[in-house]
Amino acid sequence: ELGRLLGGRQVTIKARVGAGGTLHGAVTAADIAAALEADGINVDKRKIELAEPIHEIGPYDVPVRLSKDVVPVVKVNIVAES
């Protein structure tokens, strides 16, 4: 059921941005887990398969491995903090 909730889910994360669209710091699996939790979905950050932290604004497709065969993709949109 969690896989169905996550499939196609979109979350937006606001981050501080410097020159050229580069983030001050990075968006990590923990940040994505916190954004999902704010939407009412509790996911362990270790299940979020982020190859490396995100350093630029834009949309990203992030897989969440719930089990061997259940890997929904969450759309994460990184936007500049205003």
PDB file of N, CA and C in Angstrom:
ATOM      1  N   GLU A   1       0.831  -1.202   0.000  1.00  0.00           N
ATOM      2  CA  GLU A   1       0.000   0.000   0.000  1.00  0.00           C
ATOM      3  C   GLU A   1       0.872   1.261   0.000  1.00  0.00           C
ATOM      4  N   LEU A   2       1.986   1.227   0.764  1.00  0.00           N
ATOM      5  CA  LEU A   2       2.893   2.375   0.794  1.00  0.00           C
ATOM      6  C   LEU A   2       3.462   2.653  -0.595  1.00  0.00           C
ATOM      7  N   GLY A   3       3.742   1.590  -1.334  1.00  0.00           N
ATOM      8  CA  GLY A   3       4.251   1.749  -2.698  1.00  0.00           C
ATOM      9  C   GLY A   3       3.262   2.480  -3.581  1.00  0.00           C
ATOM     10  N   ARG A   4       1.968   2.200  -3.412  1.00  0.00           N
ATOM     11  CA  ARG A   4       0.931   2.867  -4.186  1.00  0.00           C
ATOM     12  C   ARG A   4       0.854   4.345  -3.808  1.00  0.00           C
ATOM     13  N   LEU A   5       1.004   4.643  -2.513  1.00  0.00           N
ATOM     14  CA  LEU A   5       0.985   6.036  -2.054  1.00  0.00           C
ATOM     15  C   LEU A   5       2.167   6.831  -2.614  1.00  0.00           C
ATOM     16  N   LEU A   6       3.324   6.184  -2.695  1.00  0.00           N
ATOM     17  CA  LEU A   6       4.533   6.882  -3.133  1.00  0.00           C
ATOM     18  C   LEU A   6       4.644   7.010  -4.646  1.00  0.00           C
ATOM     19  N   GLY A   7       4.097   6.061  -5.380  1.00  0.00           N
ATOM     20  CA  GLY A   7       4.220   6.061  -6.835  1.00  0.00           C
ATOM     21  C   GLY A   7       3.663   7.344  -7.438  1.00  0.00           C
ATOM     22  N   GLY A   8       4.493   8.107  -8.101  1.00  0.00           N
ATOM     23  CA  GLY A   8       4.060   9.351  -8.727  1.00  0.00           C
ATOM     24  C   GLY A   8       3.907  10.526  -7.769  1.00  0.00           C
ATOM     25  N   ARG A   9       4.191  10.312  -6.486  1.00  0.00           N
ATOM     26  CA  ARG A   9       4.086  11.389  -5.484  1.00  0.00           C
ATOM     27  C   ARG A   9       5.081  12.489  -5.833  1.00  0.00           C
ATOM     28  N   GLN A  10       4.674  13.730  -5.652  1.00  0.00           N
ATOM     29  CA  GLN A  10       5.567  14.865  -5.895  1.00  0.00           C
ATOM     30  C   GLN A  10       5.772  15.625  -4.595  1.00  0.00           C
ATOM     31  N   VAL A  11       7.024  15.945  -4.312  1.00  0.00           N
ATOM     32  CA  VAL A  11       7.336  16.790  -3.156  1.00  0.00           C
ATOM     33  C   VAL A  11       8.224  17.928  -3.629  1.00  0.00           C
ATOM     34  N   THR A  12       8.067  19.077  -2.987  1.00  0.00           N
ATOM     35  CA  THR A  12       8.887  20.243  -3.303  1.00  0.00           C
ATOM     36  C   THR A  12       9.717  20.581  -2.081  1.00  0.00           C
ATOM     37  N   ILE A  13      11.005  20.774  -2.308  1.00  0.00           N
ATOM     38  CA  ILE A  13      11.925  21.127  -1.225  1.00  0.00           C
ATOM     39  C   ILE A  13      12.529  22.486  -1.561  1.00  0.00           C
ATOM     40  N   LYS A  14      12.411  23.417  -0.626  1.00  0.00           N
ATOM     41  CA  LYS A  14      13.001  24.744  -0.806  1.00  0.00           C
ATOM     42  C   LYS A  14      14.407  24.733  -0.222  1.00  0.00           C
ATOM     43  N   ALA A  15      15.345  25.299  -0.973  1.00  0.00           N
ATOM     44  CA  ALA A  15      16.738  25.318  -0.541  1.00  0.00           C
ATOM     45  C   ALA A  15      17.365  26.667  -0.875  1.00  0.00           C
ATOM     46  N   ARG A  16      18.357  27.045  -0.083  1.00  0.00           N
ATOM     47  CA  ARG A  16      19.092  28.286  -0.370  1.00  0.00           C
ATOM     48  C   ARG A  16      19.978  28.060  -1.580  1.00  0.00           C
ATOM     49  N   VAL A  17      19.941  29.035  -2.493  1.00  0.00           N
ATOM     50  CA  VAL A  17      20.650  28.891  -3.760  1.00  0.00           C
ATOM     51  C   VAL A  17      21.637  30.025  -3.939  1.00  0.00           C
ATOM     52  N   GLY A  18      22.817  29.680  -4.443  1.00  0.00           N
ATOM     53  CA  GLY A  18      23.839  30.672  -4.743  1.00  0.00           C
ATOM     54  C   GLY A  18      23.852  30.970  -6.238  1.00  0.00           C
ATOM     55  N   ALA A  19      24.931  31.528  -6.699  1.00  0.00           N
ATOM     56  CA  ALA A  19      25.070  31.883  -8.110  1.00  0.00           C
ATOM     57  C   ALA A  19      25.025  30.633  -8.984  1.00  0.00           C
ATOM     58  N   GLY A  20      24.365  30.753 -10.122  1.00  0.00           N
ATOM     59  CA  GLY A  20      24.343  29.657 -11.087  1.00  0.00           C
ATOM     60  C   GLY A  20      23.410  28.514 -10.729  1.00  0.00           C
ATOM     61  N   GLY A  21      22.536  28.696  -9.762  1.00  0.00           N
ATOM     62  CA  GLY A  21      21.596  27.643  -9.401  1.00  0.00           C
ATOM     63  C   GLY A  21      22.171  26.555  -8.519  1.00  0.00           C
ATOM     64  N   THR A  22      23.374  26.773  -7.992  1.00  0.00           N
ATOM     65  CA  THR A  22      24.001  25.802  -7.111  1.00  0.00           C
ATOM     66  C   THR A  22      23.509  26.011  -5.687  1.00  0.00           C
ATOM     67  N   LEU A  23      23.204  24.925  -5.000  1.00  0.00           N
ATOM     68  CA  LEU A  23      22.688  25.022  -3.639  1.00  0.00           C
ATOM     69  C   LEU A  23      23.793  25.317  -2.634  1.00  0.00           C
ATOM     70  N   HIS A  24      23.442  26.032  -1.570  1.00  0.00           N
ATOM     71  CA  HIS A  24      24.317  26.163  -0.409  1.00  0.00           C
ATOM     72  C   HIS A  24      24.109  24.881   0.382  1.00  0.00           C
ATOM     73  N   GLY A  25      25.047  23.977   0.337  1.00  0.00           N
ATOM     74  CA  GLY A  25      24.856  22.670   0.953  1.00  0.00           C
ATOM     75  C   GLY A  25      24.273  21.722  -0.078  1.00  0.00           C
ATOM     76  N   ALA A  26      23.463  20.752   0.383  1.00  0.00           N
ATOM     77  CA  ALA A  26      22.900  19.754  -0.520  1.00  0.00           C
ATOM     78  C   ALA A  26      21.593  19.230   0.042  1.00  0.00           C
ATOM     79  N   VAL A  27      20.788  18.654  -0.830  1.00  0.00           N
ATOM     80  CA  VAL A  27      19.557  17.977  -0.415  1.00  0.00           C
ATOM     81  C   VAL A  27      19.892  16.495  -0.326  1.00  0.00           C
ATOM     82  N   THR A  28      19.625  15.894   0.824  1.00  0.00           N
ATOM     83  CA  THR A  28      19.975  14.499   1.067  1.00  0.00           C
ATOM     84  C   THR A  28      18.718  13.641   1.190  1.00  0.00           C
ATOM     85  N   ALA A  29      18.931  12.341   1.350  1.00  0.00           N
ATOM     86  CA  ALA A  29      17.821  11.405   1.552  1.00  0.00           C
ATOM     87  C   ALA A  29      17.029  11.778   2.799  1.00  0.00           C
ATOM     88  N   ALA A  30      17.704  12.286   3.827  1.00  0.00           N
ATOM     89  CA  ALA A  30      17.019  12.698   5.058  1.00  0.00           C
ATOM     90  C   ALA A  30      16.077  13.867   4.782  1.00  0.00           C
ATOM     91  N   ASP A  31      16.484  14.797   3.927  1.00  0.00           N
ATOM     92  CA  ASP A  31      15.623  15.931   3.564  1.00  0.00           C
ATOM     93  C   ASP A  31      14.384  15.456   2.797  1.00  0.00           C
ATOM     94  N   ILE A  32      14.573  14.491   1.907  1.00  0.00           N
ATOM     95  CA  ILE A  32      13.452  13.952   1.138  1.00  0.00           C
ATOM     96  C   ILE A  32      12.497  13.198   2.068  1.00  0.00           C
ATOM     97  N   ALA A  33      13.053  12.423   3.000  1.00  0.00           N
ATOM     98  CA  ALA A  33      12.225  11.700   3.974  1.00  0.00           C
ATOM     99  C   ALA A  33      11.417  12.676   4.826  1.00  0.00           C
ATOM    100  N   ALA A  34      12.024  13.793   5.212  1.00  0.00           N
ATOM    101  CA  ALA A  34      11.325  14.807   6.007  1.00  0.00           C
ATOM    102  C   ALA A  34      10.202  15.458   5.195  1.00  0.00           C
ATOM    103  N   ALA A  35      10.439  15.701   3.906  1.00  0.00           N
ATOM    104  CA  ALA A  35       9.403  16.294   3.048  1.00  0.00           C
ATOM    105  C   ALA A  35       8.233  15.326   2.881  1.00  0.00           C
ATOM    106  N   LEU A  36       8.521  14.038   2.747  1.00  0.00           N
ATOM    107  CA  LEU A  36       7.457  13.038   2.647  1.00  0.00           C
ATOM    108  C   LEU A  36       6.690  12.936   3.956  1.00  0.00           C
ATOM    109  N   GLU A  37       7.412  13.023   5.070  1.00  0.00           N
ATOM    110  CA  GLU A  37       6.756  12.959   6.382  1.00  0.00           C
ATOM    111  C   GLU A  37       5.820  14.147   6.582  1.00  0.00           C
ATOM    112  N   ALA A  38       6.210  15.310   6.068  1.00  0.00           N
ATOM    113  CA  ALA A  38       5.346  16.490   6.152  1.00  0.00           C
ATOM    114  C   ALA A  38       4.061  16.271   5.352  1.00  0.00           C
ATOM    115  N   ASP A  39       4.106  15.394   4.351  1.00  0.00           N
ATOM    116  CA  ASP A  39       2.932  15.027   3.551  1.00  0.00           C
ATOM    117  C   ASP A  39       2.150  13.874   4.191  1.00  0.00           C
ATOM    118  N   GLY A  40       2.618  13.407   5.344  1.00  0.00           N
ATOM    119  CA  GLY A  40       1.923  12.335   6.047  1.00  0.00           C
ATOM    120  C   GLY A  40       2.372  10.938   5.682  1.00  0.00           C
ATOM    121  N   ILE A  41       3.507  10.811   4.996  1.00  0.00           N
ATOM    122  CA  ILE A  41       4.032   9.496   4.607  1.00  0.00           C
ATOM    123  C   ILE A  41       5.368   9.288   5.300  1.00  0.00           C
ATOM    124  N   ASN A  42       5.431   8.271   6.143  1.00  0.00           N
ATOM    125  CA  ASN A  42       6.651   7.998   6.901  1.00  0.00           C
ATOM    126  C   ASN A  42       7.501   6.968   6.160  1.00  0.00           C
ATOM    127  N   VAL A  43       8.693   7.398   5.692  1.00  0.00           N
ATOM    128  CA  VAL A  43       9.608   6.529   4.963  1.00  0.00           C
ATOM    129  C   VAL A  43      10.984   6.632   5.606  1.00  0.00           C
ATOM    130  N   ASP A  44      11.606   5.491   5.842  1.00  0.00           N
ATOM    131  CA  ASP A  44      12.961   5.461   6.387  1.00  0.00           C
ATOM    132  C   ASP A  44      13.931   6.040   5.350  1.00  0.00           C
ATOM    133  N   LYS A  45      14.767   6.964   5.768  1.00  0.00           N
ATOM    134  CA  LYS A  45      15.685   7.626   4.822  1.00  0.00           C
ATOM    135  C   LYS A  45      16.629   6.637   4.145  1.00  0.00           C
ATOM    136  N   ARG A  46      16.889   5.490   4.781  1.00  0.00           N
ATOM    137  CA  ARG A  46      17.794   4.492   4.189  1.00  0.00           C
ATOM    138  C   ARG A  46      17.168   3.785   3.000  1.00  0.00           C
ATOM    139  N   LYS A  47      15.855   3.882   2.850  1.00  0.00           N
ATOM    140  CA  LYS A  47      15.173   3.250   1.714  1.00  0.00           C
ATOM    141  C   LYS A  47      15.153   4.156   0.485  1.00  0.00           C
ATOM    142  N   ILE A  48      15.518   5.420   0.673  1.00  0.00           N
ATOM    143  CA  ILE A  48      15.552   6.367  -0.443  1.00  0.00           C
ATOM    144  C   ILE A  48      16.881   6.203  -1.165  1.00  0.00           C
ATOM    145  N   GLU A  49      16.809   5.795  -2.416  1.00  0.00           N
ATOM    146  CA  GLU A  49      18.022   5.486  -3.183  1.00  0.00           C
ATOM    147  C   GLU A  49      18.510   6.713  -3.943  1.00  0.00           C
ATOM    148  N   LEU A  50      19.259   7.516  -3.243  1.00  0.00           N
ATOM    149  CA  LEU A  50      19.842   8.719  -3.826  1.00  0.00           C
ATOM    150  C   LEU A  50      21.323   8.425  -4.035  1.00  0.00           C
ATOM    151  N   ALA A  51      21.757   8.364  -5.301  1.00  0.00           N
ATOM    152  CA  ALA A  51      23.139   8.007  -5.612  1.00  0.00           C
ATOM    153  C   ALA A  51      24.118   8.963  -4.941  1.00  0.00           C
ATOM    154  N   GLU A  52      23.783  10.243  -4.972  1.00  0.00           N
ATOM    155  CA  GLU A  52      24.606  11.265  -4.316  1.00  0.00           C
ATOM    156  C   GLU A  52      23.692  12.428  -3.948  1.00  0.00           C
ATOM    157  N   PRO A  53      24.082  13.242  -2.979  1.00  0.00           N
ATOM    158  CA  PRO A  53      23.245  14.394  -2.602  1.00  0.00           C
ATOM    159  C   PRO A  53      23.013  15.320  -3.791  1.00  0.00           C
ATOM    160  N   ILE A  54      21.867  15.980  -3.790  1.00  0.00           N
ATOM    161  CA  ILE A  54      21.493  16.884  -4.879  1.00  0.00           C
ATOM    162  C   ILE A  54      22.082  18.267  -4.605  1.00  0.00           C
ATOM    163  N   HIS A  55      22.772  18.829  -5.612  1.00  0.00           N
ATOM    164  CA  HIS A  55      23.450  20.113  -5.445  1.00  0.00           C
ATOM    165  C   HIS A  55      22.904  21.224  -6.332  1.00  0.00           C
ATOM    166  N   GLU A  56      21.868  20.944  -7.156  1.00  0.00           N
ATOM    167  CA  GLU A  56      21.330  21.956  -8.065  1.00  0.00           C
ATOM    168  C   GLU A  56      19.810  21.939  -8.021  1.00  0.00           C
ATOM    169  N   ILE A  57      19.200  23.108  -8.329  1.00  0.00           N
ATOM    170  CA  ILE A  57      17.746  23.171  -8.376  1.00  0.00           C
ATOM    171  C   ILE A  57      17.248  22.408  -9.603  1.00  0.00           C
ATOM    172  N   GLY A  58      15.981  21.996  -9.557  1.00  0.00           N
ATOM    173  CA  GLY A  58      15.383  21.288 -10.683  1.00  0.00           C
ATOM    174  C   GLY A  58      14.618  20.065 -10.230  1.00  0.00           C
ATOM    175  N   PRO A  59      13.991  19.369 -11.184  1.00  0.00           N
ATOM    176  CA  PRO A  59      13.232  18.163 -10.865  1.00  0.00           C
ATOM    177  C   PRO A  59      14.124  16.918 -10.891  1.00  0.00           C
ATOM    178  N   TYR A  60      13.829  15.984 -10.004  1.00  0.00           N
ATOM    179  CA  TYR A  60      14.582  14.732  -9.922  1.00  0.00           C
ATOM    180  C   TYR A  60      13.609  13.585  -9.688  1.00  0.00           C
ATOM    181  N   ASP A  61      13.869  12.441 -10.295  1.00  0.00           N
ATOM    182  CA  ASP A  61      13.119  11.220 -10.023  1.00  0.00           C
ATOM    183  C   ASP A  61      13.951  10.386  -9.053  1.00  0.00           C
ATOM    184  N   VAL A  62      13.391  10.130  -7.880  1.00  0.00           N
ATOM    185  CA  VAL A  62      14.136   9.435  -6.831  1.00  0.00           C
ATOM    186  C   VAL A  62      13.424   8.122  -6.481  1.00  0.00           C
ATOM    187  N   PRO A  63      14.096   6.977  -6.703  1.00  0.00           N
ATOM    188  CA  PRO A  63      13.489   5.697  -6.346  1.00  0.00           C
ATOM    189  C   PRO A  63      13.529   5.456  -4.839  1.00  0.00           C
ATOM    190  N   VAL A  64      12.485   4.779  -4.335  1.00  0.00           N
ATOM    191  CA  VAL A  64      12.398   4.414  -2.926  1.00  0.00           C
ATOM    192  C   VAL A  64      12.231   2.897  -2.879  1.00  0.00           C
ATOM    193  N   ARG A  65      13.248   2.189  -2.389  1.00  0.00           N
ATOM    194  CA  ARG A  65      13.208   0.723  -2.364  1.00  0.00           C
ATOM    195  C   ARG A  65      12.522   0.252  -1.083  1.00  0.00           C
ATOM    196  N   LEU A  66      11.242  -0.102  -1.216  1.00  0.00           N
ATOM    197  CA  LEU A  66      10.472  -0.585  -0.075  1.00  0.00           C
ATOM    198  C   LEU A  66      10.714  -2.071   0.156  1.00  0.00           C
ATOM    199  N   SER A  67      10.896  -2.816  -0.935  1.00  0.00           N
ATOM    200  CA  SER A  67      11.253  -4.233  -0.866  1.00  0.00           C
ATOM    201  C   SER A  67      11.961  -4.572  -2.166  1.00  0.00           C
ATOM    202  N   LYS A  68      12.304  -5.848  -2.306  1.00  0.00           N
ATOM    203  CA  LYS A  68      13.040  -6.267  -3.493  1.00  0.00           C
ATOM    204  C   LYS A  68      12.297  -5.916  -4.786  1.00  0.00           C
ATOM    205  N   ASP A  69      10.984  -6.090  -4.792  1.00  0.00           N
ATOM    206  CA  ASP A  69      10.204  -5.884  -6.007  1.00  0.00           C
ATOM    207  C   ASP A  69       9.393  -4.594  -6.030  1.00  0.00           C
ATOM    208  N   VAL A  70       9.342  -3.864  -4.920  1.00  0.00           N
ATOM    209  CA  VAL A  70       8.528  -2.644  -4.849  1.00  0.00           C
ATOM    210  C   VAL A  70       9.455  -1.433  -4.760  1.00  0.00           C
ATOM    211  N   VAL A  71       9.567  -0.714  -5.895  1.00  0.00           N
ATOM    212  CA  VAL A  71      10.453   0.452  -5.957  1.00  0.00           C
ATOM    213  C   VAL A  71       9.716   1.613  -6.643  1.00  0.00           C
ATOM    214  N   PRO A  72       8.819   2.293  -5.908  1.00  0.00           N
ATOM    215  CA  PRO A  72       8.135   3.439  -6.510  1.00  0.00           C
ATOM    216  C   PRO A  72       9.103   4.611  -6.698  1.00  0.00           C
ATOM    217  N   VAL A  73       8.759   5.489  -7.637  1.00  0.00           N
ATOM    218  CA  VAL A  73       9.590   6.664  -7.914  1.00  0.00           C
ATOM    219  C   VAL A  73       8.858   7.908  -7.423  1.00  0.00           C
ATOM    220  N   VAL A  74       9.548   8.707  -6.622  1.00  0.00           N
ATOM    221  CA  VAL A  74       9.008   9.959  -6.109  1.00  0.00           C
ATOM    222  C   VAL A  74       9.628  11.096  -6.911  1.00  0.00           C
ATOM    223  N   LYS A  75       8.804  12.033  -7.340  1.00  0.00           N
ATOM    224  CA  LYS A  75       9.309  13.193  -8.067  1.00  0.00           C
ATOM    225  C   LYS A  75       9.629  14.288  -7.054  1.00  0.00           C
ATOM    226  N   VAL A  76      10.905  14.669  -7.002  1.00  0.00           N
ATOM    227  CA  VAL A  76      11.380  15.675  -6.057  1.00  0.00           C
ATOM    228  C   VAL A  76      11.743  16.923  -6.850  1.00  0.00           C
ATOM    229  N   ASN A  77      11.121  18.040  -6.482  1.00  0.00           N
ATOM    230  CA  ASN A  77      11.398  19.295  -7.163  1.00  0.00           C
ATOM    231  C   ASN A  77      12.131  20.210  -6.187  1.00  0.00           C
ATOM    232  N   ILE A  78      13.357  20.564  -6.523  1.00  0.00           N
ATOM    233  CA  ILE A  78      14.169  21.455  -5.692  1.00  0.00           C
ATOM    234  C   ILE A  78      13.988  22.871  -6.237  1.00  0.00           C
ATOM    235  N   VAL A  79      13.517  23.777  -5.377  1.00  0.00           N
ATOM    236  CA  VAL A  79      13.277  25.157  -5.782  1.00  0.00           C
ATOM    237  C   VAL A  79      14.069  26.111  -4.886  1.00  0.00           C
ATOM    238  N   ALA A  80      14.290  27.319  -5.417  1.00  0.00           N
ATOM    239  CA  ALA A  80      15.016  28.336  -4.662  1.00  0.00           C
ATOM    240  C   ALA A  80      14.139  28.882  -3.539  1.00  0.00           C
ATOM    241  N   GLU A  81      14.731  29.054  -2.377  1.00  0.00           N
ATOM    242  CA  GLU A  81      14.042  29.643  -1.245  1.00  0.00           C
ATOM    243  C   GLU A  81      13.854  31.127  -1.503  1.00  0.00           C
ATOM    244  N   SER A  82      12.669  31.649  -1.230  1.00  0.00           N
ATOM    245  CA  SER A  82      12.468  33.074  -1.499  1.00  0.00           C
ATOM    246  C   SER A  82      12.594  33.908  -0.251  1.00  0.00           C
TER     247      SER A  82
END
